[in-house]
């Protein structure tokens, strides 16, 4: 177990390091987790609705049985069959208790369906917000790649041809704020990601 734990810890650390260096992949991992949760809540809503339909059918059947036995009680009373009246009344009372239980089950299922649908909507909203973050991360990576390519091209094209041209290109092309801008952009993106993860807990 010790070796297995060591290997697992090593892999976990490497994965954490990899995700830290590639925050867009962590966003995608969070999106996949949210997608799975959304699918699960949708499945749960479907199951609850199916159970609600069954309970509603049980309520209808029980109501019909109560009506039938109520008629039998009236008929037995009219015929003076007291020996049938009391057992029939006891049976009707049992059906009423059964009907109340079914009704309570239906109310509970309705509440759970409402709660689950609320959770589903919240997860869906979180996924939409995360999609925006993912698109922003993609745009930031594309902009950074374009900036790097432009700097590389400028550096290659501004090799000094003469003392004058070298002085001119050195003064005209450097953009000393670009690395700082990139560092701030990465820091801000990390902060937004951490905030989003805290909101999901």
C-alpha atoms as a PDB file:
ATOM      1  CA  UNK A   1       0.000   0.000   0.000  1.00  0.00           C
ATOM      2  CA  UNK A   2       2.884   2.356   0.749  1.00  0.00           C
ATOM      3  CA  UNK A   3       4.229   2.194  -2.797  1.00  0.00           C
ATOM      4  CA  UNK A   4       0.750   2.600  -4.247  1.00  0.00           C
ATOM      5  CA  UNK A   5       0.104   5.649  -2.043  1.00  0.00           C
ATOM      6  CA  UNK A   6       3.446   7.157  -3.057  1.00  0.00           C
ATOM      7  CA  UNK A   7       2.690   6.672  -6.754  1.00  0.00           C
ATOM      8  CA  UNK A   8      -0.832   8.055  -6.346  1.00  0.00           C
ATOM      9  CA  UNK A   9       0.465  11.099  -4.491  1.00  0.00           C
ATOM     10  CA  UNK A  10       3.141  11.645  -7.155  1.00  0.00           C
ATOM     11  CA  UNK A  11       0.581  11.453  -9.961  1.00  0.00           C
ATOM     12  CA  UNK A  12      -1.826  13.732  -8.099  1.00  0.00           C
ATOM     13  CA  UNK A  13       0.913  16.322  -7.587  1.00  0.00           C
ATOM     14  CA  UNK A  14       1.938  16.127 -11.233  1.00  0.00           C
ATOM     15  CA  UNK A  15      -1.675  16.518 -12.351  1.00  0.00           C
ATOM     16  CA  UNK A  16      -2.170  19.500 -10.028  1.00  0.00           C
ATOM     17  CA  UNK A  17       1.016  21.064 -11.384  1.00  0.00           C
ATOM     18  CA  UNK A  18      -0.086  20.408 -14.948  1.00  0.00           C
ATOM     19  CA  UNK A  19      -3.520  21.954 -14.360  1.00  0.00           C
ATOM     20  CA  UNK A  20      -1.929  24.947 -12.641  1.00  0.00           C
ATOM     21  CA  UNK A  21       0.210  25.520 -15.723  1.00  0.00           C
ATOM     22  CA  UNK A  22      -2.776  24.923 -18.014  1.00  0.00           C
ATOM     23  CA  UNK A  23      -5.749  26.603 -16.290  1.00  0.00           C
ATOM     24  CA  UNK A  24      -7.948  26.249 -19.385  1.00  0.00           C
ATOM     25  CA  UNK A  25      -7.828  22.461 -18.937  1.00  0.00           C
ATOM     26  CA  UNK A  26      -8.997  22.835 -15.336  1.00  0.00           C
ATOM     27  CA  UNK A  27     -11.913  24.914 -16.585  1.00  0.00           C
ATOM     28  CA  UNK A  28     -12.786  22.149 -19.013  1.00  0.00           C
ATOM     29  CA  UNK A  29     -12.555  19.581 -16.207  1.00  0.00           C
ATOM     30  CA  UNK A  30     -14.950  21.670 -14.103  1.00  0.00           C
ATOM     31  CA  UNK A  31     -17.293  21.960 -17.078  1.00  0.00           C
ATOM     32  CA  UNK A  32     -17.297  18.181 -17.493  1.00  0.00           C
ATOM     33  CA  UNK A  33     -18.057  17.742 -13.782  1.00  0.00           C
ATOM     34  CA  UNK A  34     -20.943  20.201 -14.014  1.00  0.00           C
ATOM     35  CA  UNK A  35     -22.228  18.478 -17.148  1.00  0.00           C
ATOM     36  CA  UNK A  36     -22.282  15.134 -15.318  1.00  0.00           C
ATOM     37  CA  UNK A  37     -24.131  16.725 -12.387  1.00  0.00           C
ATOM     38  CA  UNK A  38     -26.662  18.295 -14.750  1.00  0.00           C
ATOM     39  CA  UNK A  39     -27.303  14.952 -16.471  1.00  0.00           C
ATOM     40  CA  UNK A  40     -27.685  13.282 -13.072  1.00  0.00           C
ATOM     41  CA  UNK A  41     -30.232  15.850 -11.850  1.00  0.00           C
ATOM     42  CA  UNK A  42     -32.195  15.493 -15.104  1.00  0.00           C
ATOM     43  CA  UNK A  43     -32.262  11.711 -14.632  1.00  0.00           C
ATOM     44  CA  UNK A  44     -33.394  12.143 -11.015  1.00  0.00           C
ATOM     45  CA  UNK A  45     -36.222  14.477 -12.073  1.00  0.00           C
ATOM     46  CA  UNK A  46     -37.352  11.854 -14.601  1.00  0.00           C
ATOM     47  CA  UNK A  47     -37.324   9.116 -11.938  1.00  0.00           C
ATOM     48  CA  UNK A  48     -39.247  11.266  -9.464  1.00  0.00           C
ATOM     49  CA  UNK A  49     -41.889  12.163 -12.068  1.00  0.00           C
ATOM     50  CA  UNK A  50     -42.316   8.486 -12.953  1.00  0.00           C
ATOM     51  CA  UNK A  51     -42.829   7.652  -9.266  1.00  0.00           C
ATOM     52  CA  UNK A  52     -45.264  10.569  -8.938  1.00  0.00           C
ATOM     53  CA  UNK A  53     -47.333   9.175 -11.825  1.00  0.00           C
ATOM     54  CA  UNK A  54     -47.513   5.764 -10.115  1.00  0.00           C
ATOM     55  CA  UNK A  55     -48.598   7.316  -6.799  1.00  0.00           C
ATOM     56  CA  UNK A  56     -51.243   9.431  -8.553  1.00  0.00           C
ATOM     57  CA  UNK A  57     -52.606   6.264 -10.151  1.00  0.00           C
ATOM     58  CA  UNK A  58     -52.678   4.594  -6.722  1.00  0.00           C
ATOM     59  CA  UNK A  59     -54.608   7.571  -5.343  1.00  0.00           C
ATOM     60  CA  UNK A  60     -57.198   7.290  -8.130  1.00  0.00           C
ATOM     61  CA  UNK A  61     -57.605   3.540  -7.571  1.00  0.00           C
ATOM     62  CA  UNK A  62     -57.951   4.029  -3.816  1.00  0.00           C
ATOM     63  CA  UNK A  63     -60.539   6.799  -4.309  1.00  0.00           C
ATOM     64  CA  UNK A  64     -62.563   4.494  -6.561  1.00  0.00           C
ATOM     65  CA  UNK A  65     -62.372   1.715  -3.961  1.00  0.00           C
ATOM     66  CA  UNK A  66     -63.510   4.085  -1.198  1.00  0.00           C
ATOM     67  CA  UNK A  67     -66.461   5.151  -3.340  1.00  0.00           C
ATOM     68  CA  UNK A  68     -67.361   1.496  -4.019  1.00  0.00           C
ATOM     69  CA  UNK A  69     -67.209   0.506  -0.355  1.00  0.00           C
ATOM     70  CA  UNK A  70     -69.133   3.596   0.697  1.00  0.00           C
ATOM     71  CA  UNK A  71     -71.918   2.428  -1.609  1.00  0.00           C
ATOM     72  CA  UNK A  72     -71.779  -1.057  -0.097  1.00  0.00           C
ATOM     73  CA  UNK A  73     -72.073   0.383   3.424  1.00  0.00           C
ATOM     74  CA  UNK A  74     -75.156   2.386   2.451  1.00  0.00           C
ATOM     75  CA  UNK A  75     -76.670  -0.679   0.804  1.00  0.00           C
ATOM     76  CA  UNK A  76     -75.980  -2.882   3.846  1.00  0.00           C
ATOM     77  CA  UNK A  77     -77.480  -0.282   6.192  1.00  0.00           C
ATOM     78  CA  UNK A  78     -80.594  -0.014   4.052  1.00  0.00           C
ATOM     79  CA  UNK A  79     -80.981  -3.798   4.137  1.00  0.00           C
ATOM     80  CA  UNK A  80     -80.445  -3.944   7.893  1.00  0.00           C
ATOM     81  CA  UNK A  81     -77.301  -6.057   7.486  1.00  0.00           C
ATOM     82  CA  UNK A  82     -75.402  -4.735  10.473  1.00  0.00           C
ATOM     83  CA  UNK A  83     -73.161  -7.794  10.310  1.00  0.00           C
ATOM     84  CA  UNK A  84     -71.857  -6.406   7.000  1.00  0.00           C
ATOM     85  CA  UNK A  85     -71.947  -2.702   7.887  1.00  0.00           C
ATOM     86  CA  UNK A  86     -69.246  -2.718  10.559  1.00  0.00           C
ATOM     87  CA  UNK A  87     -66.658  -4.799   8.613  1.00  0.00           C
ATOM     88  CA  UNK A  88     -67.317  -2.661   5.532  1.00  0.00           C
ATOM     89  CA  UNK A  89     -66.805   0.518   7.560  1.00  0.00           C
ATOM     90  CA  UNK A  90     -63.526  -0.875   8.932  1.00  0.00           C
ATOM     91  CA  UNK A  91     -62.403  -1.679   5.384  1.00  0.00           C
ATOM     92  CA  UNK A  92     -63.363   1.820   4.213  1.00  0.00           C
ATOM     93  CA  UNK A  93     -61.357   3.344   7.095  1.00  0.00           C
ATOM     94  CA  UNK A  94     -58.337   1.280   6.059  1.00  0.00           C
ATOM     95  CA  UNK A  95     -58.699   2.550   2.471  1.00  0.00           C
ATOM     96  CA  UNK A  96     -58.908   6.145   3.730  1.00  0.00           C
ATOM     97  CA  UNK A  97     -55.667   5.704   5.693  1.00  0.00           C
ATOM     98  CA  UNK A  98     -54.067   4.199   2.600  1.00  0.00           C
ATOM     99  CA  UNK A  99     -55.280   7.123   0.508  1.00  0.00           C
ATOM    100  CA  UNK A 100     -53.806   9.613   2.992  1.00  0.00           C
ATOM    101  CA  UNK A 101     -50.459   7.820   2.844  1.00  0.00           C
ATOM    102  CA  UNK A 102     -50.458   7.972  -0.967  1.00  0.00           C
ATOM    103  CA  UNK A 103     -51.341  11.662  -0.834  1.00  0.00           C
ATOM    104  CA  UNK A 104     -48.458  12.343   1.556  1.00  0.00           C
ATOM    105  CA  UNK A 105     -46.100  10.478  -0.782  1.00  0.00           C
ATOM    106  CA  UNK A 106     -47.289  12.551  -3.723  1.00  0.00           C
ATOM    107  CA  UNK A 107     -46.740  15.831  -1.860  1.00  0.00           C
ATOM    108  CA  UNK A 108     -43.223  14.707  -0.866  1.00  0.00           C
ATOM    109  CA  UNK A 109     -42.419  13.760  -4.473  1.00  0.00           C
ATOM    110  CA  UNK A 110     -43.683  17.122  -5.715  1.00  0.00           C
ATOM    111  CA  UNK A 111     -41.397  18.927  -3.263  1.00  0.00           C
ATOM    112  CA  UNK A 112     -38.399  16.821  -4.285  1.00  0.00           C
ATOM    113  CA  UNK A 113     -39.097  17.418  -7.975  1.00  0.00           C
ATOM    114  CA  UNK A 114     -39.237  21.178  -7.387  1.00  0.00           C
ATOM    115  CA  UNK A 115     -36.007  21.142  -5.353  1.00  0.00           C
ATOM    116  CA  UNK A 116     -34.195  18.998  -7.930  1.00  0.00           C
ATOM    117  CA  UNK A 117     -35.337  21.219 -10.800  1.00  0.00           C
ATOM    118  CA  UNK A 118     -34.027  24.246  -8.877  1.00  0.00           C
ATOM    119  CA  UNK A 119     -30.644  22.548  -8.471  1.00  0.00           C
ATOM    120  CA  UNK A 120     -30.645  21.634 -12.157  1.00  0.00           C
ATOM    121  CA  UNK A 121     -31.274  25.252 -13.163  1.00  0.00           C
ATOM    122  CA  UNK A 122     -28.471  26.431 -10.869  1.00  0.00           C
ATOM    123  CA  UNK A 123     -26.036  23.912 -12.358  1.00  0.00           C
ATOM    124  CA  UNK A 124     -27.069  24.940 -15.869  1.00  0.00           C
ATOM    125  CA  UNK A 125     -26.456  28.595 -14.994  1.00  0.00           C
ATOM    126  CA  UNK A 126     -23.027  27.713 -13.559  1.00  0.00           C
ATOM    127  CA  UNK A 127     -22.184  25.852 -16.772  1.00  0.00           C
ATOM    128  CA  UNK A 128     -23.144  28.893 -18.842  1.00  0.00           C
ATOM    129  CA  UNK A 129     -20.946  31.133 -16.679  1.00  0.00           C
ATOM    130  CA  UNK A 130     -18.110  28.625 -16.949  1.00  0.00           C
ATOM    131  CA  UNK A 131     -18.475  28.509 -20.743  1.00  0.00           C
ATOM    132  CA  UNK A 132     -17.895  32.264 -20.771  1.00  0.00           C
ATOM    133  CA  UNK A 133     -14.730  31.777 -18.690  1.00  0.00           C
ATOM    134  CA  UNK A 134     -13.542  29.032 -21.051  1.00  0.00           C
ATOM    135  CA  UNK A 135     -14.079  31.253 -24.086  1.00  0.00           C
ATOM    136  CA  UNK A 136     -12.243  34.091 -22.336  1.00  0.00           C
ATOM    137  CA  UNK A 137      -9.345  31.748 -21.538  1.00  0.00           C
ATOM    138  CA  UNK A 138      -9.229  30.609 -25.166  1.00  0.00           C
ATOM    139  CA  UNK A 139      -9.215  34.221 -26.369  1.00  0.00           C
ATOM    140  CA  UNK A 140      -6.461  35.104 -23.883  1.00  0.00           C
ATOM    141  CA  UNK A 141      -4.336  32.163 -25.059  1.00  0.00           C
ATOM    142  CA  UNK A 142      -4.892  33.103 -28.702  1.00  0.00           C
ATOM    143  CA  UNK A 143      -3.964  36.722 -27.987  1.00  0.00           C
ATOM    144  CA  UNK A 144      -0.858  35.664 -26.072  1.00  0.00           C
ATOM    145  CA  UNK A 145       0.185  33.351 -28.912  1.00  0.00           C
ATOM    146  CA  UNK A 146      -0.365  36.105 -31.477  1.00  0.00           C
ATOM    147  CA  UNK A 147       1.601  38.551 -29.335  1.00  0.00           C
ATOM    148  CA  UNK A 148       4.478  36.093 -28.984  1.00  0.00           C
ATOM    149  CA  UNK A 149       4.483  35.463 -32.724  1.00  0.00           C
ATOM    150  CA  UNK A 150       4.473  39.205 -33.415  1.00  0.00           C
ATOM    151  CA  UNK A 151       7.338  39.795 -31.002  1.00  0.00           C
ATOM    152  CA  UNK A 152       9.318  36.967 -32.601  1.00  0.00           C
ATOM    153  CA  UNK A 153       8.681  38.416 -36.070  1.00  0.00           C
ATOM    154  CA  UNK A 154       9.643  41.915 -34.924  1.00  0.00           C
ATOM    155  CA  UNK A 155      12.786  40.601 -33.275  1.00  0.00           C
ATOM    156  CA  UNK A 156      13.803  38.739 -36.442  1.00  0.00           C
ATOM    157  CA  UNK A 157      13.066  41.656 -38.755  1.00  0.00           C
ATOM    158  CA  UNK A 158      14.777  44.253 -36.577  1.00  0.00           C
ATOM    159  CA  UNK A 159      18.244  42.687 -36.453  1.00  0.00           C
ATOM    160  CA  UNK A 160      20.691  45.638 -36.773  1.00  0.00           C
ATOM    161  CA  UNK A 161      21.656  46.328 -40.417  1.00  0.00           C
ATOM    162  CA  UNK A 162      23.738  49.297 -39.357  1.00  0.00           C
ATOM    163  CA  UNK A 163      24.429  51.324 -36.289  1.00  0.00           C
ATOM    164  CA  UNK A 164      21.612  53.687 -37.175  1.00  0.00           C
ATOM    165  CA  UNK A 165      19.036  51.039 -37.997  1.00  0.00           C
ATOM    166  CA  UNK A 166      19.941  49.072 -34.867  1.00  0.00           C
ATOM    167  CA  UNK A 167      19.460  52.131 -32.704  1.00  0.00           C
ATOM    168  CA  UNK A 168      16.160  52.910 -34.364  1.00  0.00           C
ATOM    169  CA  UNK A 169      14.765  49.390 -34.072  1.00  0.00           C
ATOM    170  CA  UNK A 170      15.826  49.075 -30.435  1.00  0.00           C
ATOM    171  CA  UNK A 171      14.060  52.293 -29.554  1.00  0.00           C
ATOM    172  CA  UNK A 172      10.979  51.660 -31.651  1.00  0.00           C
ATOM    173  CA  UNK A 173      10.067  48.032 -31.081  1.00  0.00           C
ATOM    174  CA  UNK A 174      10.478  47.004 -27.420  1.00  0.00           C
ATOM    175  CA  UNK A 175       7.253  46.593 -25.430  1.00  0.00           C
ATOM    176  CA  UNK A 176       8.516  46.184 -21.896  1.00  0.00           C
ATOM    177  CA  UNK A 177       4.983  46.064 -20.456  1.00  0.00           C
ATOM    178  CA  UNK A 178       3.959  42.912 -22.383  1.00  0.00           C
ATOM    179  CA  UNK A 179       5.389  40.332 -19.921  1.00  0.00           C
ATOM    180  CA  UNK A 180       3.856  42.257 -17.017  1.00  0.00           C
ATOM    181  CA  UNK A 181       0.511  42.422 -18.816  1.00  0.00           C
ATOM    182  CA  UNK A 182       0.631  38.651 -19.397  1.00  0.00           C
ATOM    183  CA  UNK A 183       1.504  37.986 -15.741  1.00  0.00           C
ATOM    184  CA  UNK A 184      -1.391  40.136 -14.507  1.00  0.00           C
ATOM    185  CA  UNK A 185      -3.780  38.458 -16.967  1.00  0.00           C
ATOM    186  CA  UNK A 186      -2.732  35.008 -15.713  1.00  0.00           C
ATOM    187  CA  UNK A 187      -3.066  36.076 -12.063  1.00  0.00           C
ATOM    188  CA  UNK A 188      -6.539  37.556 -12.631  1.00  0.00           C
ATOM    189  CA  UNK A 189      -7.665  34.421 -14.506  1.00  0.00           C
ATOM    190  CA  UNK A 190      -6.433  32.242 -11.616  1.00  0.00           C
ATOM    191  CA  UNK A 191      -8.358  34.388  -9.130  1.00  0.00           C
ATOM    192  CA  UNK A 192     -11.563  34.094 -11.170  1.00  0.00           C
ATOM    193  CA  UNK A 193     -11.095  30.331 -11.377  1.00  0.00           C
ATOM    194  CA  UNK A 194     -10.629  29.999  -7.618  1.00  0.00           C
ATOM    195  CA  UNK A 195     -13.713  32.153  -7.010  1.00  0.00           C
ATOM    196  CA  UNK A 196     -15.750  29.986  -9.355  1.00  0.00           C
ATOM    197  CA  UNK A 197     -14.556  26.823  -7.590  1.00  0.00           C
ATOM    198  CA  UNK A 198     -15.515  28.319  -4.200  1.00  0.00           C
ATOM    199  CA  UNK A 199     -18.976  29.188  -5.517  1.00  0.00           C
ATOM    200  CA  UNK A 200     -19.485  25.579  -6.634  1.00  0.00           C
ATOM    201  CA  UNK A 201     -18.822  24.154  -3.148  1.00  0.00           C
END
